N, C-alpha and C. Protein backbone atom coordinates (compact mmCIF):
# COMPACT_ATOMS: atom_id res chain seq x y z
N MET A 1 11.86 -40.62 -18.53
CA MET A 1 11.45 -39.53 -17.64
C MET A 1 10.46 -40.05 -16.61
N SER A 2 10.65 -39.69 -15.39
CA SER A 2 9.80 -40.14 -14.30
C SER A 2 8.39 -39.61 -14.45
N ALA A 3 7.42 -40.38 -13.93
CA ALA A 3 6.01 -39.97 -14.01
C ALA A 3 5.77 -38.71 -13.19
N HIS A 4 6.66 -38.46 -12.23
CA HIS A 4 6.46 -37.30 -11.36
C HIS A 4 7.17 -36.06 -11.89
N SER A 5 7.90 -36.16 -12.97
CA SER A 5 8.68 -35.02 -13.45
C SER A 5 7.83 -33.81 -13.81
N PRO A 6 6.62 -33.99 -14.42
CA PRO A 6 5.82 -32.78 -14.68
C PRO A 6 5.48 -32.01 -13.42
N TRP A 7 5.24 -32.73 -12.32
CA TRP A 7 4.95 -32.05 -11.06
C TRP A 7 6.17 -31.31 -10.56
N ARG A 8 7.34 -31.93 -10.70
CA ARG A 8 8.57 -31.27 -10.27
C ARG A 8 8.82 -30.03 -11.12
N GLN A 9 8.57 -30.15 -12.42
CA GLN A 9 8.78 -29.01 -13.31
C GLN A 9 7.82 -27.87 -12.97
N THR A 10 6.57 -28.23 -12.68
CA THR A 10 5.59 -27.21 -12.32
C THR A 10 5.96 -26.55 -11.00
N THR A 11 6.36 -27.35 -10.03
CA THR A 11 6.77 -26.81 -8.74
C THR A 11 7.96 -25.88 -8.90
N PHE A 12 8.92 -26.29 -9.70
CA PHE A 12 10.11 -25.45 -9.94
C PHE A 12 9.71 -24.14 -10.62
N LEU A 13 8.81 -24.23 -11.61
CA LEU A 13 8.37 -23.04 -12.33
C LEU A 13 7.73 -22.03 -11.38
N TYR A 14 6.80 -22.51 -10.53
CA TYR A 14 6.12 -21.59 -9.63
C TYR A 14 7.05 -21.07 -8.54
N ALA A 15 7.99 -21.89 -8.11
CA ALA A 15 8.98 -21.42 -7.14
C ALA A 15 9.79 -20.27 -7.73
N MET A 16 10.16 -20.40 -8.99
CA MET A 16 10.90 -19.34 -9.67
C MET A 16 10.05 -18.08 -9.82
N LEU A 17 8.78 -18.25 -10.18
CA LEU A 17 7.91 -17.10 -10.34
C LEU A 17 7.70 -16.37 -9.00
N PHE A 18 7.48 -17.12 -7.94
CA PHE A 18 7.30 -16.49 -6.63
C PHE A 18 8.58 -15.81 -6.17
N ALA A 19 9.72 -16.40 -6.52
CA ALA A 19 11.00 -15.78 -6.17
C ALA A 19 11.16 -14.45 -6.90
N LEU A 20 10.71 -14.39 -8.15
CA LEU A 20 10.78 -13.15 -8.90
C LEU A 20 9.88 -12.08 -8.29
N VAL A 21 8.71 -12.49 -7.81
CA VAL A 21 7.82 -11.55 -7.13
C VAL A 21 8.51 -10.99 -5.88
N ALA A 22 9.15 -11.86 -5.12
CA ALA A 22 9.85 -11.42 -3.90
C ALA A 22 10.99 -10.46 -4.25
N LEU A 23 11.74 -10.78 -5.29
CA LEU A 23 12.84 -9.90 -5.71
C LEU A 23 12.31 -8.53 -6.13
N ALA A 24 11.18 -8.54 -6.83
CA ALA A 24 10.59 -7.26 -7.24
C ALA A 24 10.18 -6.44 -6.02
N TYR A 25 9.63 -7.11 -5.02
CA TYR A 25 9.21 -6.41 -3.80
C TYR A 25 10.39 -5.71 -3.12
N PHE A 26 11.51 -6.41 -3.02
CA PHE A 26 12.65 -5.85 -2.30
C PHE A 26 13.51 -4.90 -3.15
N PHE A 27 13.60 -5.18 -4.44
CA PHE A 27 14.61 -4.47 -5.24
C PHE A 27 14.09 -3.69 -6.44
N ALA A 28 12.80 -3.79 -6.77
CA ALA A 28 12.34 -3.13 -8.00
C ALA A 28 11.11 -2.25 -7.81
N ASP A 29 10.22 -2.58 -6.90
CA ASP A 29 8.96 -1.86 -6.79
C ASP A 29 9.15 -0.35 -6.59
N ARG A 30 9.82 0.01 -5.52
CA ARG A 30 9.97 1.43 -5.20
C ARG A 30 10.88 2.13 -6.20
N GLN A 31 11.90 1.40 -6.67
CA GLN A 31 12.81 2.01 -7.62
C GLN A 31 12.11 2.33 -8.93
N LEU A 32 11.33 1.36 -9.45
CA LEU A 32 10.64 1.58 -10.72
C LEU A 32 9.58 2.67 -10.59
N ALA A 33 8.78 2.62 -9.53
CA ALA A 33 7.76 3.64 -9.33
C ALA A 33 8.39 5.02 -9.18
N GLY A 34 9.49 5.09 -8.48
CA GLY A 34 10.17 6.37 -8.29
C GLY A 34 10.70 6.94 -9.59
N GLU A 35 11.11 6.07 -10.51
CA GLU A 35 11.60 6.53 -11.80
C GLU A 35 10.46 6.96 -12.72
N LEU A 36 9.36 6.21 -12.72
CA LEU A 36 8.27 6.49 -13.65
C LEU A 36 7.38 7.64 -13.20
N ARG A 37 7.16 7.73 -11.91
CA ARG A 37 6.17 8.66 -11.36
C ARG A 37 6.41 10.12 -11.77
N PRO A 38 7.61 10.66 -11.69
CA PRO A 38 7.80 12.07 -12.05
C PRO A 38 7.52 12.37 -13.52
N HIS A 39 7.66 11.37 -14.38
CA HIS A 39 7.53 11.60 -15.81
C HIS A 39 6.15 11.27 -16.35
N LEU A 40 5.44 10.33 -15.72
CA LEU A 40 4.19 9.82 -16.29
C LEU A 40 2.95 10.23 -15.53
N ALA A 41 3.09 10.60 -14.26
CA ALA A 41 1.92 10.92 -13.43
C ALA A 41 1.14 12.07 -14.06
N GLY A 42 -0.18 11.92 -14.09
CA GLY A 42 -1.04 12.97 -14.62
C GLY A 42 -1.40 12.80 -16.08
N ASP A 43 -0.74 11.89 -16.78
CA ASP A 43 -1.06 11.65 -18.18
C ASP A 43 -2.33 10.82 -18.26
N TRP A 44 -3.33 11.28 -19.00
CA TRP A 44 -4.64 10.63 -19.03
C TRP A 44 -4.62 9.24 -19.64
N ILE A 45 -3.67 8.96 -20.53
CA ILE A 45 -3.68 7.70 -21.26
C ILE A 45 -3.51 6.50 -20.35
N PHE A 46 -2.74 6.63 -19.27
CA PHE A 46 -2.46 5.47 -18.41
C PHE A 46 -3.69 5.04 -17.61
N PRO A 47 -4.37 5.95 -16.92
CA PRO A 47 -5.63 5.53 -16.27
C PRO A 47 -6.64 4.97 -17.27
N TRP A 48 -6.70 5.56 -18.46
CA TRP A 48 -7.64 5.09 -19.47
C TRP A 48 -7.37 3.64 -19.84
N LEU A 49 -6.11 3.26 -19.96
CA LEU A 49 -5.77 1.89 -20.32
C LEU A 49 -6.25 0.88 -19.27
N THR A 50 -6.28 1.29 -18.02
CA THR A 50 -6.69 0.36 -16.97
C THR A 50 -8.18 0.03 -17.07
N HIS A 51 -8.96 0.88 -17.73
CA HIS A 51 -10.41 0.64 -17.84
C HIS A 51 -10.75 -0.43 -18.87
N ILE A 52 -9.75 -0.93 -19.57
CA ILE A 52 -9.97 -2.05 -20.48
C ILE A 52 -10.60 -3.23 -19.74
N VAL A 53 -10.25 -3.36 -18.48
CA VAL A 53 -10.71 -4.49 -17.66
C VAL A 53 -12.18 -4.36 -17.26
N ASP A 54 -12.71 -3.16 -17.22
CA ASP A 54 -14.03 -2.91 -16.64
C ASP A 54 -15.15 -3.81 -17.17
N PRO A 55 -15.23 -4.07 -18.48
CA PRO A 55 -16.36 -4.89 -18.97
C PRO A 55 -16.23 -6.38 -18.68
N LEU A 56 -15.06 -6.85 -18.26
CA LEU A 56 -14.83 -8.30 -18.20
C LEU A 56 -15.78 -9.01 -17.24
N SER A 57 -15.90 -8.52 -16.01
CA SER A 57 -16.76 -9.21 -15.04
C SER A 57 -18.23 -9.20 -15.46
N PRO A 58 -18.81 -8.05 -15.87
CA PRO A 58 -20.21 -8.08 -16.34
C PRO A 58 -20.41 -9.01 -17.53
N LEU A 59 -19.48 -8.97 -18.48
CA LEU A 59 -19.61 -9.85 -19.64
C LEU A 59 -19.48 -11.31 -19.25
N ALA A 60 -18.61 -11.60 -18.28
CA ALA A 60 -18.45 -12.98 -17.82
C ALA A 60 -19.74 -13.48 -17.17
N CYS A 61 -20.39 -12.64 -16.38
CA CYS A 61 -21.67 -13.02 -15.76
C CYS A 61 -22.72 -13.30 -16.83
N ILE A 62 -22.78 -12.42 -17.81
CA ILE A 62 -23.73 -12.61 -18.91
C ILE A 62 -23.40 -13.88 -19.68
N GLY A 63 -22.10 -14.13 -19.91
CA GLY A 63 -21.69 -15.33 -20.63
C GLY A 63 -22.10 -16.60 -19.92
N VAL A 64 -21.88 -16.67 -18.61
CA VAL A 64 -22.27 -17.85 -17.84
C VAL A 64 -23.78 -18.05 -17.89
N ALA A 65 -24.53 -16.97 -17.69
CA ALA A 65 -26.00 -17.07 -17.70
C ALA A 65 -26.52 -17.51 -19.06
N ALA A 66 -25.96 -16.93 -20.12
CA ALA A 66 -26.43 -17.25 -21.46
C ALA A 66 -26.14 -18.71 -21.82
N VAL A 67 -24.94 -19.16 -21.51
CA VAL A 67 -24.57 -20.54 -21.84
C VAL A 67 -25.38 -21.52 -20.98
N ALA A 68 -25.60 -21.18 -19.72
CA ALA A 68 -26.41 -22.05 -18.85
C ALA A 68 -27.84 -22.18 -19.39
N ALA A 69 -28.39 -21.06 -19.87
CA ALA A 69 -29.74 -21.10 -20.42
C ALA A 69 -29.80 -21.96 -21.68
N ARG A 70 -28.78 -21.84 -22.52
CA ARG A 70 -28.71 -22.65 -23.74
C ARG A 70 -28.58 -24.14 -23.40
N ALA A 71 -27.74 -24.44 -22.42
CA ALA A 71 -27.55 -25.84 -22.03
C ALA A 71 -28.83 -26.41 -21.43
N PHE A 72 -29.55 -25.61 -20.67
CA PHE A 72 -30.81 -26.06 -20.07
C PHE A 72 -31.84 -26.36 -21.15
N ALA A 73 -31.85 -25.51 -22.18
CA ALA A 73 -32.85 -25.68 -23.25
C ALA A 73 -32.49 -26.82 -24.20
N ARG A 74 -31.19 -27.00 -24.46
CA ARG A 74 -30.79 -27.96 -25.48
C ARG A 74 -30.10 -29.19 -24.92
N GLY A 75 -29.49 -29.07 -23.75
CA GLY A 75 -28.86 -30.22 -23.11
C GLY A 75 -27.42 -30.45 -23.49
N SER A 76 -26.85 -29.66 -24.38
CA SER A 76 -25.45 -29.81 -24.76
C SER A 76 -24.91 -28.47 -25.21
N LEU A 77 -23.59 -28.36 -25.27
CA LEU A 77 -22.94 -27.12 -25.65
C LEU A 77 -22.16 -27.30 -26.95
N THR A 78 -22.18 -26.27 -27.76
CA THR A 78 -21.30 -26.27 -28.92
C THR A 78 -19.88 -25.94 -28.46
N GLN A 79 -18.93 -26.11 -29.34
CA GLN A 79 -17.54 -25.81 -29.01
C GLN A 79 -17.38 -24.34 -28.63
N PHE A 80 -18.06 -23.46 -29.37
CA PHE A 80 -17.98 -22.03 -29.07
C PHE A 80 -18.58 -21.72 -27.70
N GLU A 81 -19.73 -22.32 -27.39
CA GLU A 81 -20.38 -22.08 -26.10
C GLU A 81 -19.51 -22.60 -24.95
N SER A 82 -18.86 -23.73 -25.17
CA SER A 82 -17.96 -24.25 -24.16
C SER A 82 -16.80 -23.29 -23.91
N ALA A 83 -16.28 -22.69 -24.97
CA ALA A 83 -15.19 -21.73 -24.83
C ALA A 83 -15.65 -20.49 -24.07
N VAL A 84 -16.84 -20.00 -24.40
CA VAL A 84 -17.39 -18.83 -23.69
C VAL A 84 -17.55 -19.14 -22.21
N LEU A 85 -18.07 -20.32 -21.90
CA LEU A 85 -18.26 -20.70 -20.50
C LEU A 85 -16.94 -20.78 -19.75
N ARG A 86 -15.93 -21.38 -20.37
CA ARG A 86 -14.63 -21.53 -19.71
C ARG A 86 -13.95 -20.18 -19.49
N ILE A 87 -14.01 -19.32 -20.49
CA ILE A 87 -13.40 -17.99 -20.34
C ILE A 87 -14.13 -17.19 -19.27
N SER A 88 -15.46 -17.26 -19.27
CA SER A 88 -16.26 -16.53 -18.28
C SER A 88 -15.96 -17.04 -16.86
N CYS A 89 -15.90 -18.36 -16.70
CA CYS A 89 -15.61 -18.93 -15.38
C CYS A 89 -14.20 -18.55 -14.92
N ALA A 90 -13.26 -18.54 -15.85
CA ALA A 90 -11.89 -18.15 -15.51
C ALA A 90 -11.85 -16.75 -14.92
N ILE A 91 -12.54 -15.82 -15.56
CA ILE A 91 -12.56 -14.43 -15.09
C ILE A 91 -13.21 -14.33 -13.72
N LEU A 92 -14.36 -14.97 -13.54
CA LEU A 92 -15.09 -14.84 -12.29
C LEU A 92 -14.37 -15.53 -11.13
N ILE A 93 -13.80 -16.69 -11.39
CA ILE A 93 -13.07 -17.40 -10.32
C ILE A 93 -11.81 -16.65 -9.94
N ALA A 94 -11.08 -16.15 -10.94
CA ALA A 94 -9.87 -15.39 -10.65
C ALA A 94 -10.20 -14.14 -9.85
N TRP A 95 -11.30 -13.49 -10.20
CA TRP A 95 -11.72 -12.29 -9.47
C TRP A 95 -12.02 -12.60 -8.01
N ALA A 96 -12.71 -13.71 -7.77
CA ALA A 96 -13.02 -14.08 -6.38
C ALA A 96 -11.76 -14.43 -5.61
N LEU A 97 -10.84 -15.14 -6.23
CA LEU A 97 -9.59 -15.53 -5.57
C LEU A 97 -8.75 -14.32 -5.19
N LYS A 98 -8.67 -13.35 -6.09
CA LYS A 98 -7.83 -12.18 -5.79
C LYS A 98 -8.40 -11.38 -4.62
N GLU A 99 -9.73 -11.38 -4.46
CA GLU A 99 -10.31 -10.67 -3.32
C GLU A 99 -9.88 -11.29 -2.00
N GLU A 100 -9.85 -12.61 -1.95
CA GLU A 100 -9.42 -13.29 -0.72
C GLU A 100 -7.93 -13.06 -0.47
N LEU A 101 -7.14 -13.09 -1.53
CA LEU A 101 -5.70 -12.88 -1.38
C LEU A 101 -5.38 -11.44 -0.97
N LYS A 102 -6.11 -10.48 -1.48
CA LYS A 102 -5.90 -9.10 -1.06
C LYS A 102 -6.10 -8.96 0.45
N TRP A 103 -7.17 -9.58 0.95
CA TRP A 103 -7.42 -9.54 2.39
C TRP A 103 -6.32 -10.26 3.17
N ALA A 104 -5.88 -11.40 2.65
CA ALA A 104 -4.88 -12.18 3.35
C ALA A 104 -3.52 -11.47 3.42
N PHE A 105 -3.12 -10.82 2.33
CA PHE A 105 -1.80 -10.18 2.29
C PHE A 105 -1.81 -8.78 2.89
N GLY A 106 -2.86 -8.03 2.69
CA GLY A 106 -2.97 -6.71 3.31
C GLY A 106 -1.86 -5.74 2.93
N ARG A 107 -1.60 -5.62 1.67
CA ARG A 107 -0.51 -4.74 1.25
C ARG A 107 -1.01 -3.32 0.99
N THR A 108 -0.18 -2.34 1.37
CA THR A 108 -0.53 -0.94 1.12
C THR A 108 -0.19 -0.53 -0.31
N TRP A 109 -0.81 0.57 -0.76
CA TRP A 109 -0.72 1.04 -2.14
C TRP A 109 0.45 2.01 -2.34
N PRO A 110 0.79 2.25 -3.58
CA PRO A 110 1.81 3.28 -3.85
C PRO A 110 1.31 4.69 -3.52
N GLU A 111 0.03 4.99 -3.83
CA GLU A 111 -0.50 6.34 -3.72
C GLU A 111 -1.65 6.43 -2.71
N PRO A 112 -1.84 7.60 -2.08
CA PRO A 112 -2.98 7.81 -1.18
C PRO A 112 -4.22 8.19 -1.98
N TRP A 113 -4.94 7.19 -2.48
CA TRP A 113 -6.03 7.45 -3.42
C TRP A 113 -7.41 7.55 -2.78
N ILE A 114 -7.57 7.12 -1.53
CA ILE A 114 -8.89 7.17 -0.88
C ILE A 114 -9.17 8.60 -0.43
N LYS A 115 -10.26 9.18 -0.92
CA LYS A 115 -10.60 10.57 -0.61
C LYS A 115 -11.16 10.70 0.80
N GLY A 116 -10.90 11.84 1.41
CA GLY A 116 -11.44 12.12 2.73
C GLY A 116 -10.54 11.60 3.84
N ASN A 117 -10.24 10.31 3.78
CA ASN A 117 -9.37 9.69 4.79
C ASN A 117 -8.28 8.93 4.05
N PRO A 118 -7.22 9.62 3.61
CA PRO A 118 -6.21 8.99 2.74
C PRO A 118 -5.63 7.71 3.34
N ASN A 119 -5.51 6.71 2.48
CA ASN A 119 -4.95 5.43 2.91
C ASN A 119 -3.44 5.56 3.12
N PRO A 120 -2.87 4.74 4.02
CA PRO A 120 -1.41 4.73 4.15
C PRO A 120 -0.79 4.28 2.84
N SER A 121 0.27 4.95 2.43
CA SER A 121 0.88 4.65 1.14
C SER A 121 2.34 5.07 1.14
N TYR A 122 3.08 4.55 0.19
CA TYR A 122 4.50 4.87 0.13
C TYR A 122 4.74 6.33 -0.22
N PHE A 123 4.03 6.83 -1.22
CA PHE A 123 4.23 8.20 -1.65
C PHE A 123 3.39 9.20 -0.84
N GLY A 124 2.56 8.68 0.05
CA GLY A 124 1.79 9.56 0.92
C GLY A 124 2.47 9.78 2.26
N ASN A 125 2.77 8.68 2.95
CA ASN A 125 3.41 8.82 4.27
C ASN A 125 4.55 7.82 4.48
N GLY A 126 5.05 7.21 3.39
CA GLY A 126 6.21 6.33 3.50
C GLY A 126 5.90 4.91 3.91
N THR A 127 4.61 4.53 3.98
CA THR A 127 4.25 3.17 4.39
C THR A 127 4.45 2.21 3.22
N TYR A 128 5.19 1.14 3.48
CA TYR A 128 5.47 0.16 2.43
C TYR A 128 5.56 -1.22 3.07
N GLY A 129 4.68 -2.12 2.67
CA GLY A 129 4.78 -3.46 3.22
C GLY A 129 3.45 -4.18 3.24
N PHE A 130 3.47 -5.33 3.92
CA PHE A 130 2.30 -6.19 4.04
C PHE A 130 1.80 -6.17 5.48
N PHE A 131 0.49 -6.12 5.63
CA PHE A 131 -0.15 -6.15 6.94
C PHE A 131 -1.25 -7.22 6.87
N PRO A 132 -0.85 -8.49 7.00
CA PRO A 132 -1.77 -9.61 6.74
C PRO A 132 -3.08 -9.51 7.53
N PHE A 133 -4.18 -9.76 6.81
CA PHE A 133 -5.53 -9.83 7.37
C PHE A 133 -5.98 -8.51 8.01
N HIS A 134 -5.38 -7.43 7.59
CA HIS A 134 -5.77 -6.14 8.16
C HIS A 134 -7.17 -5.75 7.71
N GLY A 135 -7.46 -5.97 6.43
CA GLY A 135 -8.76 -5.61 5.89
C GLY A 135 -8.84 -4.14 5.50
N GLY A 136 -9.81 -3.83 4.65
CA GLY A 136 -10.00 -2.45 4.22
C GLY A 136 -9.36 -2.17 2.88
N GLN A 137 -9.93 -1.21 2.14
CA GLN A 137 -9.43 -0.91 0.81
C GLN A 137 -8.03 -0.31 0.81
N GLY A 138 -7.62 0.25 1.93
CA GLY A 138 -6.27 0.80 2.01
C GLY A 138 -5.19 -0.26 2.08
N TYR A 139 -5.60 -1.51 2.25
CA TYR A 139 -4.65 -2.61 2.37
C TYR A 139 -5.02 -3.71 1.38
N ALA A 140 -5.17 -3.33 0.12
CA ALA A 140 -5.65 -4.29 -0.88
C ALA A 140 -4.90 -4.16 -2.21
N SER A 141 -3.62 -3.88 -2.13
CA SER A 141 -2.85 -3.67 -3.35
C SER A 141 -2.36 -4.96 -4.00
N PHE A 142 -2.23 -6.03 -3.22
CA PHE A 142 -1.59 -7.26 -3.69
C PHE A 142 -2.55 -8.45 -3.59
N PRO A 143 -2.77 -9.16 -4.70
CA PRO A 143 -2.28 -8.94 -6.06
C PRO A 143 -3.15 -7.94 -6.82
N SER A 144 -2.67 -7.50 -7.95
CA SER A 144 -3.43 -6.56 -8.77
C SER A 144 -4.67 -7.23 -9.36
N GLY A 145 -5.84 -6.68 -9.04
CA GLY A 145 -7.07 -7.24 -9.57
C GLY A 145 -7.21 -7.03 -11.07
N HIS A 146 -6.77 -5.86 -11.55
CA HIS A 146 -6.83 -5.60 -12.99
C HIS A 146 -6.00 -6.63 -13.77
N THR A 147 -4.79 -6.88 -13.27
CA THR A 147 -3.93 -7.85 -13.96
C THR A 147 -4.49 -9.25 -13.85
N THR A 148 -5.03 -9.59 -12.69
CA THR A 148 -5.63 -10.91 -12.50
C THR A 148 -6.73 -11.16 -13.52
N ALA A 149 -7.62 -10.19 -13.68
CA ALA A 149 -8.76 -10.36 -14.59
C ALA A 149 -8.32 -10.48 -16.04
N ILE A 150 -7.42 -9.59 -16.47
CA ILE A 150 -7.05 -9.59 -17.89
C ILE A 150 -6.19 -10.80 -18.24
N THR A 151 -5.37 -11.28 -17.32
CA THR A 151 -4.56 -12.46 -17.62
C THR A 151 -5.38 -13.74 -17.52
N ALA A 152 -6.45 -13.75 -16.70
CA ALA A 152 -7.36 -14.90 -16.70
C ALA A 152 -8.02 -15.02 -18.06
N PHE A 153 -8.47 -13.89 -18.59
CA PHE A 153 -9.05 -13.87 -19.93
C PHE A 153 -8.03 -14.31 -20.97
N ALA A 154 -6.84 -13.74 -20.92
CA ALA A 154 -5.81 -14.04 -21.91
C ALA A 154 -5.33 -15.48 -21.81
N GLY A 155 -5.20 -16.00 -20.57
CA GLY A 155 -4.75 -17.38 -20.39
C GLY A 155 -5.73 -18.38 -20.96
N ALA A 156 -7.02 -18.16 -20.73
CA ALA A 156 -8.03 -19.05 -21.30
C ALA A 156 -8.08 -18.92 -22.82
N LEU A 157 -7.99 -17.69 -23.29
CA LEU A 157 -8.03 -17.44 -24.73
C LEU A 157 -6.87 -18.10 -25.45
N TRP A 158 -5.71 -18.13 -24.80
CA TRP A 158 -4.50 -18.70 -25.40
C TRP A 158 -4.71 -20.14 -25.82
N PHE A 159 -5.40 -20.92 -24.96
CA PHE A 159 -5.61 -22.34 -25.26
C PHE A 159 -6.87 -22.59 -26.09
N LEU A 160 -7.88 -21.78 -25.88
CA LEU A 160 -9.15 -22.05 -26.54
C LEU A 160 -9.25 -21.43 -27.93
N CYS A 161 -8.60 -20.32 -28.15
CA CYS A 161 -8.71 -19.60 -29.43
C CYS A 161 -7.31 -19.21 -29.90
N PRO A 162 -6.54 -20.16 -30.40
CA PRO A 162 -5.15 -19.85 -30.79
C PRO A 162 -5.01 -18.69 -31.76
N LYS A 163 -5.99 -18.51 -32.63
CA LYS A 163 -5.91 -17.42 -33.60
C LYS A 163 -6.04 -16.04 -32.96
N LEU A 164 -6.53 -16.00 -31.72
CA LEU A 164 -6.72 -14.73 -31.03
C LEU A 164 -5.72 -14.51 -29.90
N ARG A 165 -4.65 -15.30 -29.90
CA ARG A 165 -3.63 -15.13 -28.85
C ARG A 165 -3.07 -13.72 -28.84
N TRP A 166 -2.89 -13.16 -30.03
CA TRP A 166 -2.34 -11.81 -30.13
C TRP A 166 -3.20 -10.80 -29.38
N LEU A 167 -4.52 -11.01 -29.40
CA LEU A 167 -5.42 -10.09 -28.72
C LEU A 167 -5.21 -10.14 -27.21
N GLY A 168 -5.13 -11.36 -26.67
CA GLY A 168 -4.91 -11.49 -25.24
C GLY A 168 -3.61 -10.86 -24.80
N VAL A 169 -2.54 -11.10 -25.55
CA VAL A 169 -1.23 -10.53 -25.21
C VAL A 169 -1.28 -9.01 -25.27
N ALA A 170 -1.90 -8.47 -26.32
CA ALA A 170 -1.98 -7.02 -26.49
C ALA A 170 -2.76 -6.37 -25.34
N LEU A 171 -3.86 -6.99 -24.93
CA LEU A 171 -4.67 -6.44 -23.84
C LEU A 171 -3.91 -6.48 -22.52
N VAL A 172 -3.20 -7.57 -22.26
CA VAL A 172 -2.41 -7.67 -21.02
C VAL A 172 -1.35 -6.57 -20.99
N LEU A 173 -0.62 -6.40 -22.09
CA LEU A 173 0.42 -5.37 -22.14
C LEU A 173 -0.17 -3.98 -21.93
N ALA A 174 -1.32 -3.72 -22.54
CA ALA A 174 -1.94 -2.41 -22.41
C ALA A 174 -2.33 -2.12 -20.96
N VAL A 175 -2.93 -3.11 -20.29
CA VAL A 175 -3.35 -2.91 -18.90
C VAL A 175 -2.15 -2.74 -17.98
N VAL A 176 -1.12 -3.54 -18.18
CA VAL A 176 0.09 -3.44 -17.35
C VAL A 176 0.75 -2.07 -17.52
N ILE A 177 0.86 -1.61 -18.75
CA ILE A 177 1.43 -0.28 -19.00
C ILE A 177 0.60 0.79 -18.31
N GLY A 178 -0.72 0.65 -18.37
CA GLY A 178 -1.59 1.60 -17.71
C GLY A 178 -1.40 1.62 -16.20
N LEU A 179 -1.31 0.45 -15.59
CA LEU A 179 -1.16 0.36 -14.13
C LEU A 179 0.16 0.96 -13.66
N LEU A 180 1.22 0.66 -14.38
CA LEU A 180 2.53 1.20 -14.00
C LEU A 180 2.61 2.69 -14.28
N GLY A 181 2.10 3.11 -15.44
CA GLY A 181 2.18 4.52 -15.79
C GLY A 181 1.35 5.40 -14.87
N ALA A 182 0.19 4.90 -14.43
CA ALA A 182 -0.68 5.66 -13.54
C ALA A 182 -0.27 5.52 -12.07
N ASP A 183 0.70 4.67 -11.79
CA ASP A 183 1.16 4.39 -10.43
C ASP A 183 0.04 3.83 -9.56
N TYR A 184 -0.79 2.97 -10.19
CA TYR A 184 -1.87 2.34 -9.45
C TYR A 184 -1.41 1.11 -8.67
N HIS A 185 -0.35 0.47 -9.15
CA HIS A 185 0.11 -0.76 -8.52
C HIS A 185 1.63 -0.86 -8.56
N TRP A 186 2.15 -1.64 -7.63
CA TRP A 186 3.56 -2.00 -7.65
C TRP A 186 3.81 -3.08 -8.70
N LEU A 187 5.04 -3.16 -9.18
CA LEU A 187 5.40 -4.19 -10.15
C LEU A 187 5.10 -5.59 -9.61
N SER A 188 5.44 -5.85 -8.35
CA SER A 188 5.20 -7.18 -7.78
C SER A 188 3.72 -7.49 -7.65
N ASP A 189 2.87 -6.47 -7.43
CA ASP A 189 1.42 -6.68 -7.45
C ASP A 189 0.98 -7.22 -8.81
N ILE A 190 1.52 -6.60 -9.86
CA ILE A 190 1.17 -6.97 -11.23
C ILE A 190 1.67 -8.37 -11.55
N MET A 191 2.89 -8.67 -11.13
CA MET A 191 3.45 -10.01 -11.37
C MET A 191 2.61 -11.08 -10.68
N ALA A 192 2.23 -10.82 -9.42
CA ALA A 192 1.41 -11.79 -8.68
C ALA A 192 0.04 -11.95 -9.33
N GLY A 193 -0.55 -10.85 -9.77
CA GLY A 193 -1.83 -10.93 -10.46
C GLY A 193 -1.75 -11.73 -11.74
N ALA A 194 -0.63 -11.57 -12.46
CA ALA A 194 -0.45 -12.32 -13.70
C ALA A 194 -0.32 -13.82 -13.43
N ILE A 195 0.37 -14.18 -12.36
CA ILE A 195 0.49 -15.60 -12.00
C ILE A 195 -0.88 -16.17 -11.64
N LEU A 196 -1.62 -15.44 -10.81
CA LEU A 196 -2.94 -15.92 -10.38
C LEU A 196 -3.90 -16.00 -11.56
N GLY A 197 -3.99 -14.93 -12.33
CA GLY A 197 -4.93 -14.90 -13.44
C GLY A 197 -4.57 -15.87 -14.54
N GLY A 198 -3.28 -15.91 -14.89
CA GLY A 198 -2.85 -16.82 -15.94
C GLY A 198 -3.09 -18.27 -15.57
N THR A 199 -2.79 -18.63 -14.33
CA THR A 199 -3.00 -20.00 -13.87
C THR A 199 -4.48 -20.36 -13.90
N THR A 200 -5.33 -19.46 -13.42
CA THR A 200 -6.76 -19.72 -13.41
C THR A 200 -7.31 -19.85 -14.83
N GLY A 201 -6.87 -18.97 -15.72
CA GLY A 201 -7.33 -19.03 -17.10
C GLY A 201 -6.93 -20.31 -17.80
N ILE A 202 -5.68 -20.70 -17.63
CA ILE A 202 -5.19 -21.93 -18.26
C ILE A 202 -5.91 -23.15 -17.69
N ALA A 203 -6.10 -23.16 -16.36
CA ALA A 203 -6.79 -24.29 -15.73
C ALA A 203 -8.23 -24.41 -16.23
N ALA A 204 -8.93 -23.28 -16.31
CA ALA A 204 -10.32 -23.31 -16.78
C ALA A 204 -10.40 -23.77 -18.22
N ALA A 205 -9.42 -23.39 -19.02
CA ALA A 205 -9.44 -23.76 -20.44
C ALA A 205 -9.13 -25.24 -20.65
N ARG A 206 -8.30 -25.81 -19.79
CA ARG A 206 -7.78 -27.15 -20.05
C ARG A 206 -8.54 -28.27 -19.35
N ILE A 207 -9.34 -27.95 -18.35
CA ILE A 207 -10.05 -29.02 -17.64
C ILE A 207 -11.02 -29.72 -18.59
N GLY A 208 -10.76 -30.98 -18.85
CA GLY A 208 -11.62 -31.78 -19.72
C GLY A 208 -11.67 -31.33 -21.15
N HIS A 209 -10.69 -30.51 -21.55
CA HIS A 209 -10.73 -29.95 -22.90
C HIS A 209 -9.68 -30.60 -23.78
N HIS A 210 -10.09 -30.99 -24.98
CA HIS A 210 -9.16 -31.49 -25.99
C HIS A 210 -8.90 -30.36 -26.96
N ASN A 211 -7.66 -29.89 -27.00
CA ASN A 211 -7.33 -28.69 -27.72
C ASN A 211 -7.50 -28.85 -29.24
N ALA A 212 -8.66 -28.42 -29.72
CA ALA A 212 -8.91 -28.49 -31.15
C ALA A 212 -9.00 -27.12 -31.78
N GLY A 213 -8.90 -26.08 -30.94
CA GLY A 213 -9.02 -24.72 -31.47
C GLY A 213 -10.47 -24.35 -31.66
N VAL A 214 -10.72 -23.03 -31.73
CA VAL A 214 -12.08 -22.52 -31.93
C VAL A 214 -12.06 -21.58 -33.11
């Protein structure tokens, strides 16, 4: 096998993933939302599931600060502290990246959720598409920040804490179901967020790490 084959395999994998996101944009987003919306809209459980993500960023900030203080005092990290630092960095970096990508892509939302001055949306006034570098919360649907954050956590957890993989998978599924059921995001938004978050989480977990489990 050629030394370059892992790069080719990775390139092929991401090309396939991006192609799936594009297919969802053209052929699945509106169709899926149109099917789910009449049956699920208004059910409290779906918005509630999306709040699973809320503690991640504050906890990640606390995790980085706590581990930094321990390292400053002692000069080295335990395996557990290293895992906390990597997971925390994965969440914070993924969160920052998705903010830049939201601005760059400028995609409109499914629903007109901004009060007072409703944002352009598919179910509000038929607006559907990308408006690159437009700026503003009305043009920040892609990628899904909720999915980015939870998959960054799950991706890092997958490599660092094999015994807790089930937890990461369960949390990702719960958040995705919540986003789709509440009509907060398009399917392709969620797929793109999963690619971004998962990649960031795995990268943070694997840099300089010898997989011994935690």
